[in-house]
Amino acid sequence: VSKTIFLQCVPWRKLKGDLCRSHRECLSQCC
């Protein structure tokens, strides 16, 4: 995948309603 405009490689994060184990897994950073 392309890097962001700030040359960061951002991992894909889970969307609203997806099962999670930690905050960093979620796009909202809220698990």
ModelCIF file with pLDDT and N, C-alpha, C, O atoms, coordinates in Angstrom:
data_MODEL
#
_entry.id   MODEL 
#
_entity.id                         1 
_entity.type                       polymer 
_entity.pdbx_number_of_molecules   1 
#
_entity_poly.entity_id                      1 
_entity_poly.type                           'polypeptide(L)' 
_entity_poly.nstd_linkage                   no 
_entity_poly.nstd_monomer                   no 
_entity_poly.pdbx_seq_one_letter_code       VSKTIFLQCVPWRKLKGDLCRSHRECLSQCC 
_entity_poly.pdbx_seq_one_letter_code_can   VSKTIFLQCVPWRKLKGDLCRSHRECLSQCC 
_entity_poly.pdbx_strand_id                 A 
#
loop_
_entity_poly_seq.entity_id 
_entity_poly_seq.num 
_entity_poly_seq.mon_id 
_entity_poly_seq.hetero 
1 1  VAL n 
1 2  SER n 
1 3  LYS n 
1 4  THR n 
1 5  ILE n 
1 6  PHE n 
1 7  LEU n 
1 8  GLN n 
1 9  CYS n 
1 10 VAL n 
1 11 PRO n 
1 12 TRP n 
1 13 ARG n 
1 14 LYS n 
1 15 LEU n 
1 16 LYS n 
1 17 GLY n 
1 18 ASP n 
1 19 LEU n 
1 20 CYS n 
1 21 ARG n 
1 22 SER n 
1 23 HIS n 
1 24 ARG n 
1 25 GLU n 
1 26 CYS n 
1 27 LEU n 
1 28 SER n 
1 29 GLN n 
1 30 CYS n 
1 31 CYS n 
#
_struct_asym.id          A 
_struct_asym.entity_id   1 
#
loop_
_ma_qa_metric.id 
_ma_qa_metric.mode 
_ma_qa_metric.name 
_ma_qa_metric.software_group_id 
_ma_qa_metric.type 
1 global pLDDT . pLDDT 
2 local  pLDDT . pLDDT 
#
_ma_qa_metric_global.metric_id      1 
_ma_qa_metric_global.metric_value   86.81 
_ma_qa_metric_global.model_id       1 
_ma_qa_metric_global.ordinal_id     1 
#
loop_
_ma_qa_metric_local.label_asym_id 
_ma_qa_metric_local.label_comp_id 
_ma_qa_metric_local.label_seq_id 
_ma_qa_metric_local.metric_id 
_ma_qa_metric_local.metric_value 
_ma_qa_metric_local.model_id 
_ma_qa_metric_local.ordinal_id 
A VAL 1  2 90.00 1 1  
A SER 2  2 90.00 1 2  
A LYS 3  2 90.00 1 3  
A THR 4  2 86.00 1 4  
A ILE 5  2 88.00 1 5  
A PHE 6  2 88.00 1 6  
A LEU 7  2 88.00 1 7  
A GLN 8  2 88.00 1 8  
A CYS 9  2 88.00 1 9  
A VAL 10 2 81.00 1 10 
A PRO 11 2 80.00 1 11 
A TRP 12 2 78.00 1 12 
A ARG 13 2 82.00 1 13 
A LYS 14 2 84.00 1 14 
A LEU 15 2 85.00 1 15 
A LYS 16 2 87.00 1 16 
A GLY 17 2 88.00 1 17 
A ASP 18 2 88.00 1 18 
A LEU 19 2 90.00 1 19 
A CYS 20 2 90.00 1 20 
A ARG 21 2 90.00 1 21 
A SER 22 2 89.00 1 22 
A HIS 23 2 88.00 1 23 
A ARG 24 2 85.00 1 24 
A GLU 25 2 85.00 1 25 
A CYS 26 2 87.00 1 26 
A LEU 27 2 83.00 1 27 
A SER 28 2 86.00 1 28 
A GLN 29 2 87.00 1 29 
A CYS 30 2 91.00 1 30 
A CYS 31 2 91.00 1 31 
#
loop_
_atom_site.group_PDB 
_atom_site.id 
_atom_site.type_symbol 
_atom_site.label_atom_id 
_atom_site.label_alt_id 
_atom_site.label_comp_id 
_atom_site.label_asym_id 
_atom_site.label_entity_id 
_atom_site.label_seq_id 
_atom_site.pdbx_PDB_ins_code 
_atom_site.Cartn_x 
_atom_site.Cartn_y 
_atom_site.Cartn_z 
_atom_site.occupancy 
_atom_site.B_iso_or_equiv 
_atom_site.pdbx_formal_charge 
_atom_site.auth_seq_id 
_atom_site.auth_comp_id 
_atom_site.auth_asym_id 
_atom_site.auth_atom_id 
_atom_site.pdbx_PDB_model_num 
ATOM 1   N N  . VAL A 1 1  ? 0.843   -1.192 0.000  1.00 90.00 ? 1  VAL A N  1 
ATOM 2   C CA . VAL A 1 1  ? 0.000   0.000  0.000  1.00 90.00 ? 1  VAL A CA 1 
ATOM 3   C C  . VAL A 1 1  ? 0.881   1.246  0.000  1.00 90.00 ? 1  VAL A C  1 
ATOM 4   O O  . VAL A 1 1  ? 2.061   1.180  0.346  1.00 90.00 ? 1  VAL A O  1 
ATOM 5   N N  . SER A 1 2  ? 0.308   2.370  -0.387 1.00 90.00 ? 2  SER A N  1 
ATOM 6   C CA . SER A 1 2  ? 1.039   3.639  -0.381 1.00 90.00 ? 2  SER A CA 1 
ATOM 7   C C  . SER A 1 2  ? 1.200   4.143  1.043  1.00 90.00 ? 2  SER A C  1 
ATOM 8   O O  . SER A 1 2  ? 0.389   3.848  1.920  1.00 90.00 ? 2  SER A O  1 
ATOM 9   N N  . LYS A 1 3  ? 2.263   4.907  1.255  1.00 90.00 ? 3  LYS A N  1 
ATOM 10  C CA . LYS A 1 3  ? 2.444   5.566  2.547  1.00 90.00 ? 3  LYS A CA 1 
ATOM 11  C C  . LYS A 1 3  ? 1.604   6.841  2.569  1.00 90.00 ? 3  LYS A C  1 
ATOM 12  O O  . LYS A 1 3  ? 1.158   7.319  1.525  1.00 90.00 ? 3  LYS A O  1 
ATOM 13  N N  . THR A 1 4  ? 1.395   7.380  3.752  1.00 86.00 ? 4  THR A N  1 
ATOM 14  C CA . THR A 1 4  ? 0.623   8.617  3.883  1.00 86.00 ? 4  THR A CA 1 
ATOM 15  C C  . THR A 1 4  ? 1.460   9.791  3.387  1.00 86.00 ? 4  THR A C  1 
ATOM 16  O O  . THR A 1 4  ? 2.633   9.625  3.050  1.00 86.00 ? 4  THR A O  1 
ATOM 17  N N  . ILE A 1 5  ? 0.862   10.965 3.343  1.00 88.00 ? 5  ILE A N  1 
ATOM 18  C CA . ILE A 1 5  ? 1.569   12.174 2.922  1.00 88.00 ? 5  ILE A CA 1 
ATOM 19  C C  . ILE A 1 5  ? 2.741   12.469 3.856  1.00 88.00 ? 5  ILE A C  1 
ATOM 20  O O  . ILE A 1 5  ? 3.683   13.163 3.473  1.00 88.00 ? 5  ILE A O  1 
ATOM 21  N N  . PHE A 1 6  ? 2.683   11.938 5.087  1.00 88.00 ? 6  PHE A N  1 
ATOM 22  C CA . PHE A 1 6  ? 3.760   12.124 6.062  1.00 88.00 ? 6  PHE A CA 1 
ATOM 23  C C  . PHE A 1 6  ? 4.744   10.953 6.046  1.00 88.00 ? 6  PHE A C  1 
ATOM 24  O O  . PHE A 1 6  ? 5.538   10.787 6.972  1.00 88.00 ? 6  PHE A O  1 
ATOM 25  N N  . LEU A 1 7  ? 4.683   10.133 4.973  1.00 88.00 ? 7  LEU A N  1 
ATOM 26  C CA . LEU A 1 7  ? 5.559   8.974  4.764  1.00 88.00 ? 7  LEU A CA 1 
ATOM 27  C C  . LEU A 1 7  ? 5.451   7.938  5.875  1.00 88.00 ? 7  LEU A C  1 
ATOM 28  O O  . LEU A 1 7  ? 6.437   7.305  6.253  1.00 88.00 ? 7  LEU A O  1 
ATOM 29  N N  . GLN A 1 8  ? 4.231   7.777  6.393  1.00 88.00 ? 8  GLN A N  1 
ATOM 30  C CA . GLN A 1 8  ? 3.986   6.757  7.407  1.00 88.00 ? 8  GLN A CA 1 
ATOM 31  C C  . GLN A 1 8  ? 3.295   5.560  6.773  1.00 88.00 ? 8  GLN A C  1 
ATOM 32  O O  . GLN A 1 8  ? 2.506   5.698  5.839  1.00 88.00 ? 8  GLN A O  1 
ATOM 33  N N  . CYS A 1 9  ? 3.606   4.399  7.295  1.00 88.00 ? 9  CYS A N  1 
ATOM 34  C CA . CYS A 1 9  ? 2.954   3.165  6.863  1.00 88.00 ? 9  CYS A CA 1 
ATOM 35  C C  . CYS A 1 9  ? 1.908   2.824  7.921  1.00 88.00 ? 9  CYS A C  1 
ATOM 36  O O  . CYS A 1 9  ? 2.224   2.240  8.957  1.00 88.00 ? 9  CYS A O  1 
ATOM 37  N N  . VAL A 1 10 ? 0.681   3.188  7.651  1.00 81.00 ? 10 VAL A N  1 
ATOM 38  C CA . VAL A 1 10 ? -0.390  3.038  8.638  1.00 81.00 ? 10 VAL A CA 1 
ATOM 39  C C  . VAL A 1 10 ? -1.045  1.668  8.492  1.00 81.00 ? 10 VAL A C  1 
ATOM 40  O O  . VAL A 1 10 ? -1.510  1.321  7.406  1.00 81.00 ? 10 VAL A O  1 
ATOM 41  N N  . PRO A 1 11 ? -1.087  0.889  9.566  1.00 80.00 ? 11 PRO A N  1 
ATOM 42  C CA . PRO A 1 11 ? -1.752  -0.413 9.480  1.00 80.00 ? 11 PRO A CA 1 
ATOM 43  C C  . PRO A 1 11 ? -3.263  -0.252 9.377  1.00 80.00 ? 11 PRO A C  1 
ATOM 44  O O  . PRO A 1 11 ? -3.831  0.738  9.839  1.00 80.00 ? 11 PRO A O  1 
ATOM 45  N N  . TRP A 1 12 ? -3.904  -1.246 8.759  1.00 78.00 ? 12 TRP A N  1 
ATOM 46  C CA . TRP A 1 12 ? -5.359  -1.222 8.664  1.00 78.00 ? 12 TRP A CA 1 
ATOM 47  C C  . TRP A 1 12 ? -5.933  -1.425 10.049 1.00 78.00 ? 12 TRP A C  1 
ATOM 48  O O  . TRP A 1 12 ? -5.394  -2.199 10.840 1.00 78.00 ? 12 TRP A O  1 
ATOM 49  N N  . ARG A 1 13 ? -7.015  -0.740 10.349 1.00 82.00 ? 13 ARG A N  1 
ATOM 50  C CA . ARG A 1 13 ? -7.652  -0.878 11.661 1.00 82.00 ? 13 ARG A CA 1 
ATOM 51  C C  . ARG A 1 13 ? -9.101  -1.314 11.486 1.00 82.00 ? 13 ARG A C  1 
ATOM 52  O O  . ARG A 1 13 ? -9.737  -1.038 10.469 1.00 82.00 ? 13 ARG A O  1 
ATOM 53  N N  . LYS A 1 14 ? -9.595  -1.992 12.490 1.00 84.00 ? 14 LYS A N  1 
ATOM 54  C CA . LYS A 1 14 ? -10.957 -2.531 12.460 1.00 84.00 ? 14 LYS A CA 1 
ATOM 55  C C  . LYS A 1 14 ? -11.989 -1.410 12.542 1.00 84.00 ? 14 LYS A C  1 
ATOM 56  O O  . LYS A 1 14 ? -11.739 -0.343 13.102 1.00 84.00 ? 14 LYS A O  1 
ATOM 57  N N  . LEU A 1 15 ? -13.165 -1.689 11.960 1.00 85.00 ? 15 LEU A N  1 
ATOM 58  C CA . LEU A 1 15 ? -14.232 -0.695 11.891 1.00 85.00 ? 15 LEU A CA 1 
ATOM 59  C C  . LEU A 1 15 ? -15.227 -0.864 13.026 1.00 85.00 ? 15 LEU A C  1 
ATOM 60  O O  . LEU A 1 15 ? -15.135 -1.812 13.805 1.00 85.00 ? 15 LEU A O  1 
ATOM 61  N N  . LYS A 1 16 ? -16.164 0.045  13.116 1.00 87.00 ? 16 LYS A N  1 
ATOM 62  C CA . LYS A 1 16 ? -17.195 0.038  14.158 1.00 87.00 ? 16 LYS A CA 1 
ATOM 63  C C  . LYS A 1 16 ? -17.921 -1.309 14.192 1.00 87.00 ? 16 LYS A C  1 
ATOM 64  O O  . LYS A 1 16 ? -18.391 -1.796 13.163 1.00 87.00 ? 16 LYS A O  1 
ATOM 65  N N  . GLY A 1 17 ? -18.007 -1.901 15.375 1.00 88.00 ? 17 GLY A N  1 
ATOM 66  C CA . GLY A 1 17 ? -18.718 -3.162 15.559 1.00 88.00 ? 17 GLY A CA 1 
ATOM 67  C C  . GLY A 1 17 ? -17.858 -4.403 15.439 1.00 88.00 ? 17 GLY A C  1 
ATOM 68  O O  . GLY A 1 17 ? -18.308 -5.488 15.807 1.00 88.00 ? 17 GLY A O  1 
ATOM 69  N N  . ASP A 1 18 ? -16.636 -4.284 14.938 1.00 88.00 ? 18 ASP A N  1 
ATOM 70  C CA . ASP A 1 18 ? -15.747 -5.449 14.825 1.00 88.00 ? 18 ASP A CA 1 
ATOM 71  C C  . ASP A 1 18 ? -15.251 -5.878 16.201 1.00 88.00 ? 18 ASP A C  1 
ATOM 72  O O  . ASP A 1 18 ? -15.046 -5.048 17.086 1.00 88.00 ? 18 ASP A O  1 
ATOM 73  N N  . LEU A 1 19 ? -15.061 -7.183 16.369 1.00 90.00 ? 19 LEU A N  1 
ATOM 74  C CA . LEU A 1 19 ? -14.495 -7.700 17.612 1.00 90.00 ? 19 LEU A CA 1 
ATOM 75  C C  . LEU A 1 19 ? -13.047 -7.238 17.740 1.00 90.00 ? 19 LEU A C  1 
ATOM 76  O O  . LEU A 1 19 ? -12.323 -7.164 16.747 1.00 90.00 ? 19 LEU A O  1 
ATOM 77  N N  . CYS A 1 20 ? -12.626 -6.926 18.977 1.00 90.00 ? 20 CYS A N  1 
ATOM 78  C CA . CYS A 1 20 ? -11.264 -6.436 19.190 1.00 90.00 ? 20 CYS A CA 1 
ATOM 79  C C  . CYS A 1 20 ? -10.740 -6.883 20.552 1.00 90.00 ? 20 CYS A C  1 
ATOM 80  O O  . CYS A 1 20 ? -11.494 -7.361 21.400 1.00 90.00 ? 20 CYS A O  1 
ATOM 81  N N  . ARG A 1 21 ? -9.437  -6.718 20.740 1.00 90.00 ? 21 ARG A N  1 
ATOM 82  C CA . ARG A 1 21 ? -8.797  -7.039 22.027 1.00 90.00 ? 21 ARG A CA 1 
ATOM 83  C C  . ARG A 1 21 ? -8.154  -5.820 22.663 1.00 90.00 ? 21 ARG A C  1 
ATOM 84  O O  . ARG A 1 21 ? -8.001  -5.759 23.883 1.00 90.00 ? 21 ARG A O  1 
ATOM 85  N N  . SER A 1 22 ? -7.771  -4.833 21.828 1.00 89.00 ? 22 SER A N  1 
ATOM 86  C CA . SER A 1 22 ? -7.135  -3.629 22.370 1.00 89.00 ? 22 SER A CA 1 
ATOM 87  C C  . SER A 1 22 ? -7.564  -2.406 21.560 1.00 89.00 ? 22 SER A C  1 
ATOM 88  O O  . SER A 1 22 ? -8.056  -2.535 20.438 1.00 89.00 ? 22 SER A O  1 
ATOM 89  N N  . HIS A 1 23 ? -7.374  -1.218 22.139 1.00 88.00 ? 23 HIS A N  1 
ATOM 90  C CA . HIS A 1 23 ? -7.765  0.037  21.498 1.00 88.00 ? 23 HIS A CA 1 
ATOM 91  C C  . HIS A 1 23 ? -7.043  0.246  20.167 1.00 88.00 ? 23 HIS A C  1 
ATOM 92  O O  . HIS A 1 23 ? -7.639  0.756  19.219 1.00 88.00 ? 23 HIS A O  1 
ATOM 93  N N  . ARG A 1 24 ? -5.765  -0.142 20.083 1.00 85.00 ? 24 ARG A N  1 
ATOM 94  C CA . ARG A 1 24 ? -4.997  0.141  18.863 1.00 85.00 ? 24 ARG A CA 1 
ATOM 95  C C  . ARG A 1 24 ? -5.447  -0.678 17.658 1.00 85.00 ? 24 ARG A C  1 
ATOM 96  O O  . ARG A 1 24 ? -5.042  -0.382 16.534 1.00 85.00 ? 24 ARG A O  1 
ATOM 97  N N  . GLU A 1 25 ? -6.280  -1.710 17.867 1.00 85.00 ? 25 GLU A N  1 
ATOM 98  C CA . GLU A 1 25 ? -6.818  -2.493 16.747 1.00 85.00 ? 25 GLU A CA 1 
ATOM 99  C C  . GLU A 1 25 ? -7.912  -1.738 15.997 1.00 85.00 ? 25 GLU A C  1 
ATOM 100 O O  . GLU A 1 25 ? -8.213  -2.061 14.847 1.00 85.00 ? 25 GLU A O  1 
ATOM 101 N N  . CYS A 1 26 ? -8.505  -0.739 16.639 1.00 87.00 ? 26 CYS A N  1 
ATOM 102 C CA . CYS A 1 26 ? -9.678  -0.054 16.090 1.00 87.00 ? 26 CYS A CA 1 
ATOM 103 C C  . CYS A 1 26 ? -9.332  1.272  15.439 1.00 87.00 ? 26 CYS A C  1 
ATOM 104 O O  . CYS A 1 26 ? -8.440  1.988  15.894 1.00 87.00 ? 26 CYS A O  1 
ATOM 105 N N  . LEU A 1 27 ? -10.052 1.595  14.361 1.00 83.00 ? 27 LEU A N  1 
ATOM 106 C CA . LEU A 1 27 ? -9.883  2.870  13.682 1.00 83.00 ? 27 LEU A CA 1 
ATOM 107 C C  . LEU A 1 27 ? -10.225 4.013  14.641 1.00 83.00 ? 27 LEU A C  1 
ATOM 108 O O  . LEU A 1 27 ? -9.601  5.072  14.593 1.00 83.00 ? 27 LEU A O  1 
ATOM 109 N N  . SER A 1 28 ? -11.202 3.802  15.498 1.00 86.00 ? 28 SER A N  1 
ATOM 110 C CA . SER A 1 28 ? -11.610 4.819  16.469 1.00 86.00 ? 28 SER A CA 1 
ATOM 111 C C  . SER A 1 28 ? -10.703 4.846  17.698 1.00 86.00 ? 28 SER A C  1 
ATOM 112 O O  . SER A 1 28 ? -10.828 5.731  18.545 1.00 86.00 ? 28 SER A O  1 
ATOM 113 N N  . GLN A 1 29 ? -9.793  3.880  17.797 1.00 87.00 ? 29 GLN A N  1 
ATOM 114 C CA . GLN A 1 29 ? -8.912  3.735  18.968 1.00 87.00 ? 29 GLN A CA 1 
ATOM 115 C C  . GLN A 1 29 ? -9.732  3.522  20.243 1.00 87.00 ? 29 GLN A C  1 
ATOM 116 O O  . GLN A 1 29 ? -9.344  3.950  21.330 1.00 87.00 ? 29 GLN A O  1 
ATOM 117 N N  . CYS A 1 30 ? -10.882 2.845  20.079 1.00 91.00 ? 30 CYS A N  1 
ATOM 118 C CA . CYS A 1 30 ? -11.776 2.608  21.210 1.00 91.00 ? 30 CYS A CA 1 
ATOM 119 C C  . CYS A 1 30 ? -12.317 1.181  21.148 1.00 91.00 ? 30 CYS A C  1 
ATOM 120 O O  . CYS A 1 30 ? -13.139 0.870  20.286 1.00 91.00 ? 30 CYS A O  1 
ATOM 121 N N  . CYS A 1 31 ? -11.864 0.310  22.052 1.00 91.00 ? 31 CYS A N  1 
ATOM 122 C CA . CYS A 1 31 ? -12.284 -1.088 22.099 1.00 91.00 ? 31 CYS A CA 1 
ATOM 123 C C  . CYS A 1 31 ? -12.842 -1.367 23.492 1.00 91.00 ? 31 CYS A C  1 
ATOM 124 O O  . CYS A 1 31 ? -13.263 -2.489 23.775 1.00 91.00 ? 31 CYS A O  1 
#
